[in-house]
């Protein structure tokens, strides 16, 4: 585990509900409500119907609900179907300036929380950790200027949040982040967090996240996090004022 990955893992692993400012808890709840409203608005869209049809094909010993229904699916396919509904109208929260839509992460977080039967405090803590990391990555580097998509921020944030919900230890959290980074940076595609976190929980490993200098055609992860410049709300990345 290299120093950057270790810092990400330690931040996520050590963050607790008792450390969260009241404003962070309130804003997290507001974003959950807003996300549900976006999913409701996109529920009857044709892509949403197609995604639900795919999700209902499978079952799981630890299922997650497909939003707006009484149906369940595997955590990763529930996250997929719910993510389509959440994002369809493109009305969910946004950072602006190429930072993406952080609430995309709620599709994975909600599915993992239901599958793991976690409590509300754990879910909120995981969501805040996911937001902190997502916005920290965005503050550190503008990947869209280099031909990459902003979902790179959200997939890593969501993976850390899901790992926290699943109560993975440090090494398994690192494994999940590494698995996800390899899959995402190779394909440049949106990826769910439940699948790599599940593989990490089962001990599946991959090499630590690869870091290299940025180039016009990067062959590895184009990211060096400069934590001192990450403008986040709480935790070890708080910007000095």
Protein backbone atom coordinates (compact mmCIF):
# COMPACT_ATOMS: atom_id res chain seq x y z
CA UNK A 1 0.00 0.00 0.00
CA UNK A 2 1.65 3.25 -1.09
CA UNK A 3 1.51 6.47 0.94
CA UNK A 4 -1.34 8.08 -1.01
CA UNK A 5 -3.56 5.01 -0.87
CA UNK A 6 -2.77 4.64 2.83
CA UNK A 7 -3.86 8.23 3.48
CA UNK A 8 -7.16 7.66 1.68
CA UNK A 9 -7.80 4.44 3.58
CA UNK A 10 -6.90 5.92 6.97
CA UNK A 11 -9.20 8.90 6.47
CA UNK A 12 -12.14 6.71 5.57
CA UNK A 13 -11.39 4.09 8.22
CA UNK A 14 -10.99 6.52 11.13
CA UNK A 15 -13.88 8.89 10.43
CA UNK A 16 -16.70 8.40 12.96
CA UNK A 17 -20.20 9.79 13.36
CA UNK A 18 -19.22 11.61 16.56
CA UNK A 19 -16.65 13.63 14.60
CA UNK A 20 -19.18 15.00 12.14
CA UNK A 21 -20.34 18.60 12.54
CA UNK A 22 -24.10 19.03 12.77
CA UNK A 23 -24.06 20.95 9.51
CA UNK A 24 -22.44 17.98 7.73
CA UNK A 25 -25.12 15.61 9.03
CA UNK A 26 -27.91 17.99 8.01
CA UNK A 27 -26.49 18.55 4.54
CA UNK A 28 -26.04 14.81 4.07
CA UNK A 29 -29.71 14.22 4.87
CA UNK A 30 -30.73 16.99 2.47
CA UNK A 31 -28.79 15.36 -0.33
CA UNK A 32 -30.33 11.97 0.36
CA UNK A 33 -33.82 13.52 0.12
CA UNK A 34 -32.86 15.34 -3.08
CA UNK A 35 -31.49 12.10 -4.53
CA UNK A 36 -34.73 10.23 -3.78
CA UNK A 37 -36.67 13.02 -5.47
CA UNK A 38 -34.48 12.72 -8.59
CA UNK A 39 -35.01 8.96 -8.63
CA UNK A 40 -38.78 9.44 -8.35
CA UNK A 41 -38.70 11.89 -11.23
CA UNK A 42 -36.81 9.44 -13.44
CA UNK A 43 -38.72 6.34 -12.36
CA UNK A 44 -40.97 6.01 -15.44
CA UNK A 45 -38.29 6.82 -18.02
CA UNK A 46 -37.64 4.03 -20.51
CA UNK A 47 -33.97 3.56 -19.53
CA UNK A 48 -35.07 3.24 -15.89
CA UNK A 49 -37.57 0.54 -16.82
CA UNK A 50 -34.89 -1.31 -18.77
CA UNK A 51 -32.44 -1.09 -15.87
CA UNK A 52 -35.04 -2.43 -13.43
CA UNK A 53 -35.82 -5.30 -15.80
CA UNK A 54 -32.15 -6.25 -15.85
CA UNK A 55 -31.85 -5.98 -12.05
CA UNK A 56 -34.87 -8.13 -11.32
CA UNK A 57 -33.33 -11.05 -13.23
CA UNK A 58 -31.06 -11.92 -10.31
CA UNK A 59 -31.43 -12.58 -6.61
CA UNK A 60 -28.98 -12.50 -3.74
CA UNK A 61 -28.55 -13.88 -0.24
CA UNK A 62 -27.97 -10.29 0.88
CA UNK A 63 -30.24 -8.33 -1.45
CA UNK A 64 -30.88 -4.62 -1.88
CA UNK A 65 -34.13 -2.95 -2.87
CA UNK A 66 -34.85 -1.46 -6.25
CA UNK A 67 -36.10 2.02 -5.39
CA UNK A 68 -39.81 2.67 -5.81
CA UNK A 69 -40.67 -1.04 -5.82
CA UNK A 70 -41.01 -4.00 -3.48
CA UNK A 71 -38.47 -5.90 -5.58
CA UNK A 72 -34.91 -6.80 -4.63
CA UNK A 73 -31.78 -7.64 -6.55
CA UNK A 74 -28.10 -8.17 -5.91
CA UNK A 75 -26.45 -5.08 -4.38
CA UNK A 76 -24.52 -4.22 -7.54
CA UNK A 77 -27.52 -4.52 -9.88
CA UNK A 78 -29.78 -2.67 -7.44
CA UNK A 79 -27.15 0.08 -7.42
CA UNK A 80 -27.16 0.04 -11.23
CA UNK A 81 -30.94 0.30 -11.53
CA UNK A 82 -31.19 2.94 -8.82
CA UNK A 83 -28.32 4.89 -10.34
CA UNK A 84 -30.11 5.08 -13.68
CA UNK A 85 -33.20 6.49 -11.99
CA UNK A 86 -31.20 8.93 -9.87
CA UNK A 87 -29.24 10.29 -12.82
CA UNK A 88 -31.78 10.14 -15.65
CA UNK A 89 -33.06 13.72 -15.35
CA UNK A 90 -29.55 15.04 -14.60
CA UNK A 91 -31.01 17.16 -11.79
CA UNK A 92 -29.00 15.73 -8.91
CA UNK A 93 -26.41 17.81 -7.11
CA UNK A 94 -23.33 19.00 -8.99
CA UNK A 95 -20.00 20.56 -8.10
CA UNK A 96 -19.83 22.63 -11.28
CA UNK A 97 -16.72 23.22 -13.37
CA UNK A 98 -16.35 19.58 -14.31
CA UNK A 99 -16.55 18.05 -10.84
CA UNK A 100 -19.49 15.84 -11.59
CA UNK A 101 -22.50 14.82 -9.52
CA UNK A 102 -21.43 13.51 -6.09
CA UNK A 103 -24.89 12.14 -5.29
CA UNK A 104 -24.36 9.52 -7.99
CA UNK A 105 -22.56 7.73 -5.14
CA UNK A 106 -25.81 7.23 -3.22
CA UNK A 107 -26.86 4.45 -5.59
CA UNK A 108 -23.97 2.32 -4.35
CA UNK A 109 -24.14 3.51 -0.75
CA UNK A 110 -27.88 2.82 -0.38
CA UNK A 111 -27.58 -0.64 -1.91
CA UNK A 112 -24.65 -1.55 0.33
CA UNK A 113 -26.39 -0.16 3.42
CA UNK A 114 -29.51 -2.24 2.86
CA UNK A 115 -27.57 -5.36 1.94
CA UNK A 116 -25.38 -5.06 5.04
CA UNK A 117 -28.36 -4.05 7.22
CA UNK A 118 -26.40 -1.12 8.57
CA UNK A 119 -27.73 1.66 10.81
CA UNK A 120 -28.39 5.28 9.91
CA UNK A 121 -25.34 6.70 11.65
CA UNK A 122 -23.02 4.36 9.79
CA UNK A 123 -24.68 5.25 6.50
CA UNK A 124 -24.34 8.99 7.11
CA UNK A 125 -20.70 8.62 8.15
CA UNK A 126 -19.95 6.60 5.03
CA UNK A 127 -21.73 9.15 2.84
CA UNK A 128 -19.77 12.04 4.36
CA UNK A 129 -16.52 10.12 3.85
CA UNK A 130 -17.48 9.50 0.22
CA UNK A 131 -18.29 13.18 -0.35
CA UNK A 132 -15.07 14.29 1.34
CA UNK A 133 -12.97 12.06 -0.87
CA UNK A 134 -14.87 12.85 -4.06
CA UNK A 135 -14.56 16.60 -3.50
CA UNK A 136 -10.97 16.21 -2.34
CA UNK A 137 -10.03 14.49 -5.59
CA UNK A 138 -11.83 17.23 -7.54
CA UNK A 139 -10.01 19.96 -5.62
CA UNK A 140 -6.66 18.27 -6.17
CA UNK A 141 -6.83 17.76 -9.93
CA UNK A 142 -9.12 18.58 -12.84
CA UNK A 143 -9.21 15.31 -14.77
CA UNK A 144 -11.54 16.61 -17.48
CA UNK A 145 -8.77 18.92 -18.64
CA UNK A 146 -6.80 15.78 -19.47
CA UNK A 147 -9.46 13.83 -21.33
CA UNK A 148 -10.84 11.83 -18.40
CA UNK A 149 -14.34 11.93 -16.96
CA UNK A 150 -15.41 13.22 -13.56
CA UNK A 151 -16.77 9.79 -12.60
CA UNK A 152 -13.21 9.01 -11.53
CA UNK A 153 -13.94 11.10 -8.43
CA UNK A 154 -17.24 9.44 -7.62
CA UNK A 155 -16.21 5.82 -8.06
CA UNK A 156 -13.32 6.13 -5.61
CA UNK A 157 -15.44 8.09 -3.11
CA UNK A 158 -18.24 5.54 -3.37
CA UNK A 159 -15.84 2.62 -2.96
CA UNK A 160 -14.46 4.07 0.27
CA UNK A 161 -18.00 4.69 1.54
CA UNK A 162 -19.19 1.18 0.66
CA UNK A 163 -16.09 -0.33 2.29
CA UNK A 164 -16.95 1.56 5.46
CA UNK A 165 -20.54 0.31 5.37
CA UNK A 166 -19.30 -3.25 4.87
CA UNK A 167 -16.86 -2.75 7.77
CA UNK A 168 -13.86 -3.83 5.72
CA UNK A 169 -10.50 -3.62 7.43
CA UNK A 170 -7.74 -1.38 6.12
CA UNK A 171 -6.15 -3.91 3.77
CA UNK A 172 -9.46 -5.00 2.26
CA UNK A 173 -10.49 -1.37 1.81
CA UNK A 174 -7.23 -0.78 -0.04
CA UNK A 175 -7.85 -3.88 -2.15
CA UNK A 176 -11.31 -2.60 -3.13
CA UNK A 177 -9.96 0.82 -4.10
CA UNK A 178 -7.18 -0.78 -6.13
CA UNK A 179 -9.57 -3.13 -7.92
CA UNK A 180 -11.88 -0.27 -8.78
CA UNK A 181 -9.14 2.09 -9.90
CA UNK A 182 -7.68 -0.50 -12.28
CA UNK A 183 -11.06 -1.29 -13.78
CA UNK A 184 -12.13 2.35 -14.09
CA UNK A 185 -8.95 3.88 -15.42
CA UNK A 186 -8.50 1.21 -18.05
CA UNK A 187 -12.00 1.61 -19.45
CA UNK A 188 -12.93 5.19 -18.54
CA UNK A 189 -16.40 3.84 -17.74
CA UNK A 190 -18.74 4.51 -14.81
CA UNK A 191 -18.42 1.59 -12.38
CA UNK A 192 -20.36 0.59 -9.30
CA UNK A 193 -18.60 0.24 -5.97
CA UNK A 194 -20.40 -2.78 -4.53
CA UNK A 195 -18.72 -5.34 -6.81
CA UNK A 196 -15.06 -4.44 -6.16
CA UNK A 197 -15.75 -3.95 -2.44
CA UNK A 198 -17.27 -7.42 -2.32
CA UNK A 199 -14.23 -8.86 -4.05
CA UNK A 200 -11.99 -6.96 -1.65
CA UNK A 201 -13.96 -8.37 1.29
CA UNK A 202 -13.32 -11.87 -0.01
CA UNK A 203 -9.60 -11.20 -0.09
CA UNK A 204 -9.22 -10.64 -3.82
CA UNK A 205 -6.26 -8.35 -4.36
CA UNK A 206 -4.65 -6.38 -7.12
CA UNK A 207 -1.52 -4.25 -7.19
CA UNK A 208 -1.74 -0.95 -5.35
CA UNK A 209 -3.21 1.96 -7.28
CA UNK A 210 -0.70 2.96 -9.97
CA UNK A 211 0.45 6.57 -9.99
CA UNK A 212 2.30 8.21 -12.84
CA UNK A 213 2.98 11.63 -14.21
CA UNK A 214 0.18 13.12 -16.20
CA UNK A 215 0.49 12.95 -19.96
CA UNK A 216 -1.79 13.50 -22.92
CA UNK A 217 -2.37 9.73 -23.10
CA UNK A 218 -1.80 8.40 -19.56
CA UNK A 219 -1.19 4.67 -19.30
CA UNK A 220 -1.89 4.52 -15.57
CA UNK A 221 -3.89 6.36 -12.93
CA UNK A 222 -3.52 10.08 -13.78
CA UNK A 223 -3.79 11.36 -10.23
CA UNK A 224 -1.54 12.66 -7.51
CA UNK A 225 -3.60 13.86 -4.59
CA UNK A 226 -2.28 17.03 -2.98
CA UNK A 227 -4.12 16.88 0.31
CA UNK A 228 -2.95 20.30 1.47
CA UNK A 229 -4.96 21.81 -1.40
CA UNK A 230 -8.10 19.73 -0.96
CA UNK A 231 -10.94 22.07 0.00
CA UNK A 232 -13.12 19.79 2.10
CA UNK A 233 -15.50 20.35 4.98
CA UNK A 234 -14.07 18.21 7.76
CA UNK A 235 -11.45 15.62 8.59
CA UNK A 236 -7.69 15.63 7.99
CA UNK A 237 -8.04 17.42 4.65
CA UNK A 238 -9.51 20.59 6.16
CA UNK A 239 -8.07 23.62 4.39
CA UNK A 240 -6.30 26.07 6.65
CA UNK A 241 -7.98 29.49 6.98
